[in-house]
Amino acid sequence: LGRGLGELLRELTIEQKLQRVVIAGGDTSSHALGQMGVDALTVRMPLPASPGSPLCVAHSRVKTIDGLEVALKGGQVGTDRYFCAIRDGLGD
């Protein structure tokens, strides 16, 4: 499931020129990132209300993935506003 999600998300990111994505599910996230070609992540913006799920920047040899903003949401992490905060670029 994670690999399929990653393949789909990579294609959507490239086709739609997405600048920010969210992947939900802890184990799913790691498999999806691998399929997307993400080599590393750095923290761009912590979300104090959701420790452990910051907004990150992807580093990749794939030009269209490099610099992509990525948020990884584990199952038990984050408030009810998590997805809205990521969409809107809010720190809380």
C-alpha atoms as a PDB file:
ATOM      1  CA  LEU A   1       0.000   0.000   0.000  1.00  0.00           C
ATOM      2  CA  GLY A   2       2.767   2.444   0.922  1.00  0.00           C
ATOM      3  CA  ARG A   3       4.707   1.791  -2.267  1.00  0.00           C
ATOM      4  CA  GLY A   4       1.601   2.210  -4.416  1.00  0.00           C
ATOM      5  CA  LEU A   5       0.757   5.435  -2.604  1.00  0.00           C
ATOM      6  CA  GLY A   6       4.295   6.690  -3.198  1.00  0.00           C
ATOM      7  CA  GLU A   7       4.149   5.918  -6.915  1.00  0.00           C
ATOM      8  CA  LEU A   8       0.806   7.683  -7.250  1.00  0.00           C
ATOM      9  CA  LEU A   9       1.943  10.672  -5.198  1.00  0.00           C
ATOM     10  CA  ARG A  10       5.178  10.990  -7.215  1.00  0.00           C
ATOM     11  CA  GLU A  11       3.211  11.061 -10.470  1.00  0.00           C
ATOM     12  CA  LEU A  12       0.666  13.569  -9.104  1.00  0.00           C
ATOM     13  CA  THR A  13       3.438  15.774  -7.721  1.00  0.00           C
ATOM     14  CA  ILE A  14       5.195  15.858 -11.094  1.00  0.00           C
ATOM     15  CA  GLU A  15       2.058  16.194 -13.225  1.00  0.00           C
ATOM     16  CA  GLN A  16       0.336  18.820 -11.074  1.00  0.00           C
ATOM     17  CA  LYS A  17       3.554  20.591  -9.988  1.00  0.00           C
ATOM     18  CA  LEU A  18       2.601  20.208  -6.331  1.00  0.00           C
ATOM     19  CA  GLN A  19       4.674  22.112  -3.813  1.00  0.00           C
ATOM     20  CA  ARG A  20       3.352  20.512  -0.598  1.00  0.00           C
ATOM     21  CA  VAL A  21       2.021  17.050   0.249  1.00  0.00           C
ATOM     22  CA  VAL A  22       0.906  15.164   3.359  1.00  0.00           C
ATOM     23  CA  ILE A  23       1.305  11.430   3.829  1.00  0.00           C
ATOM     24  CA  ALA A  24      -0.702   9.850   6.637  1.00  0.00           C
ATOM     25  CA  GLY A  25       0.389   6.655   8.355  1.00  0.00           C
ATOM     26  CA  GLY A  26       3.750   6.040   9.989  1.00  0.00           C
ATOM     27  CA  ASP A  27       4.921   2.904   8.160  1.00  0.00           C
ATOM     28  CA  THR A  28       3.059   3.934   5.015  1.00  0.00           C
ATOM     29  CA  SER A  29       4.986   7.215   4.971  1.00  0.00           C
ATOM     30  CA  SER A  30       8.415   5.608   4.898  1.00  0.00           C
ATOM     31  CA  HIS A  31       7.494   3.282   2.031  1.00  0.00           C
ATOM     32  CA  ALA A  32       5.838   6.110   0.095  1.00  0.00           C
ATOM     33  CA  LEU A  33       8.872   8.388   0.482  1.00  0.00           C
ATOM     34  CA  GLY A  34      11.120   5.681  -0.893  1.00  0.00           C
ATOM     35  CA  GLN A  35       8.943   5.275  -3.985  1.00  0.00           C
ATOM     36  CA  MET A  36       8.875   9.025  -4.487  1.00  0.00           C
ATOM     37  CA  GLY A  37      12.671   9.143  -4.587  1.00  0.00           C
ATOM     38  CA  VAL A  38      13.109  11.124  -1.365  1.00  0.00           C
ATOM     39  CA  ASP A  39      16.654  10.670  -0.009  1.00  0.00           C
ATOM     40  CA  ALA A  40      16.403  12.869   3.098  1.00  0.00           C
ATOM     41  CA  LEU A  41      14.147  15.323   4.932  1.00  0.00           C
ATOM     42  CA  THR A  42      14.946  18.487   6.853  1.00  0.00           C
ATOM     43  CA  VAL A  43      12.550  20.290   9.178  1.00  0.00           C
ATOM     44  CA  ARG A  44      11.084  23.438   7.659  1.00  0.00           C
ATOM     45  CA  MET A  45       8.544  24.332  10.328  1.00  0.00           C
ATOM     46  CA  PRO A  46       7.696  22.570  13.577  1.00  0.00           C
ATOM     47  CA  LEU A  47       4.048  22.400  14.572  1.00  0.00           C
ATOM     48  CA  PRO A  48       3.968  22.830  18.361  1.00  0.00           C
ATOM     49  CA  ALA A  49       0.451  21.411  18.615  1.00  0.00           C
ATOM     50  CA  SER A  50       1.597  18.260  16.762  1.00  0.00           C
ATOM     51  CA  PRO A  51       5.028  17.239  18.010  1.00  0.00           C
ATOM     52  CA  GLY A  52       6.610  14.589  15.836  1.00  0.00           C
ATOM     53  CA  SER A  53       4.862  15.740  12.654  1.00  0.00           C
ATOM     54  CA  PRO A  54       6.655  18.850  11.392  1.00  0.00           C
ATOM     55  CA  LEU A  55       6.489  20.254   7.903  1.00  0.00           C
ATOM     56  CA  CYS A  56       9.690  19.106   6.159  1.00  0.00           C
ATOM     57  CA  VAL A  57      11.583  19.750   2.939  1.00  0.00           C
ATOM     58  CA  ALA A  58      12.391  16.727   0.766  1.00  0.00           C
ATOM     59  CA  HIS A  59      15.853  16.261  -0.699  1.00  0.00           C
ATOM     60  CA  SER A  60      15.979  14.111  -3.813  1.00  0.00           C
ATOM     61  CA  ARG A  61      17.967  13.379  -6.933  1.00  0.00           C
ATOM     62  CA  VAL A  62      14.602  13.666  -8.735  1.00  0.00           C
ATOM     63  CA  LYS A  63      14.489  17.348  -9.710  1.00  0.00           C
ATOM     64  CA  THR A  64      10.719  17.775  -9.344  1.00  0.00           C
ATOM     65  CA  ILE A  65      10.722  16.117  -5.894  1.00  0.00           C
ATOM     66  CA  ASP A  66      13.742  18.024  -4.553  1.00  0.00           C
ATOM     67  CA  GLY A  67      12.484  20.908  -2.410  1.00  0.00           C
ATOM     68  CA  LEU A  68       8.960  19.493  -2.084  1.00  0.00           C
ATOM     69  CA  GLU A  69       7.366  20.308   1.274  1.00  0.00           C
ATOM     70  CA  VAL A  70       6.287  17.088   2.990  1.00  0.00           C
ATOM     71  CA  ALA A  71       4.386  16.455   6.195  1.00  0.00           C
ATOM     72  CA  LEU A  72       4.232  12.941   7.642  1.00  0.00           C
ATOM     73  CA  LYS A  73       1.314  12.262   9.939  1.00  0.00           C
ATOM     74  CA  GLY A  74       1.462   9.226  12.189  1.00  0.00           C
ATOM     75  CA  GLY A  75      -1.807   7.715  13.346  1.00  0.00           C
ATOM     76  CA  GLN A  76      -1.757   9.010  16.921  1.00  0.00           C
ATOM     77  CA  VAL A  77      -0.109  12.375  16.262  1.00  0.00           C
ATOM     78  CA  GLY A  78      -1.682  15.752  15.632  1.00  0.00           C
ATOM     79  CA  THR A  79      -4.735  17.724  16.523  1.00  0.00           C
ATOM     80  CA  ASP A  80      -8.036  17.919  14.672  1.00  0.00           C
ATOM     81  CA  ARG A  81      -6.653  20.924  12.753  1.00  0.00           C
ATOM     82  CA  TYR A  82      -3.459  19.168  11.606  1.00  0.00           C
ATOM     83  CA  PHE A  83      -4.322  18.888   7.912  1.00  0.00           C
ATOM     84  CA  CYS A  84      -5.702  22.446   7.774  1.00  0.00           C
ATOM     85  CA  ALA A  85      -2.586  23.803   9.494  1.00  0.00           C
ATOM     86  CA  ILE A  86      -0.332  22.083   6.956  1.00  0.00           C
ATOM     87  CA  ARG A  87      -2.479  23.251   4.036  1.00  0.00           C
ATOM     88  CA  ASP A  88      -2.463  26.831   5.301  1.00  0.00           C
ATOM     89  CA  GLY A  89       1.188  26.858   6.418  1.00  0.00           C
ATOM     90  CA  LEU A  90       0.316  27.615  10.028  1.00  0.00           C
ATOM     91  CA  GLY A  91       2.599  26.802  12.934  1.00  0.00           C
ATOM     92  CA  ASP A  92      -0.190  25.682  15.262  1.00  0.00           C
END
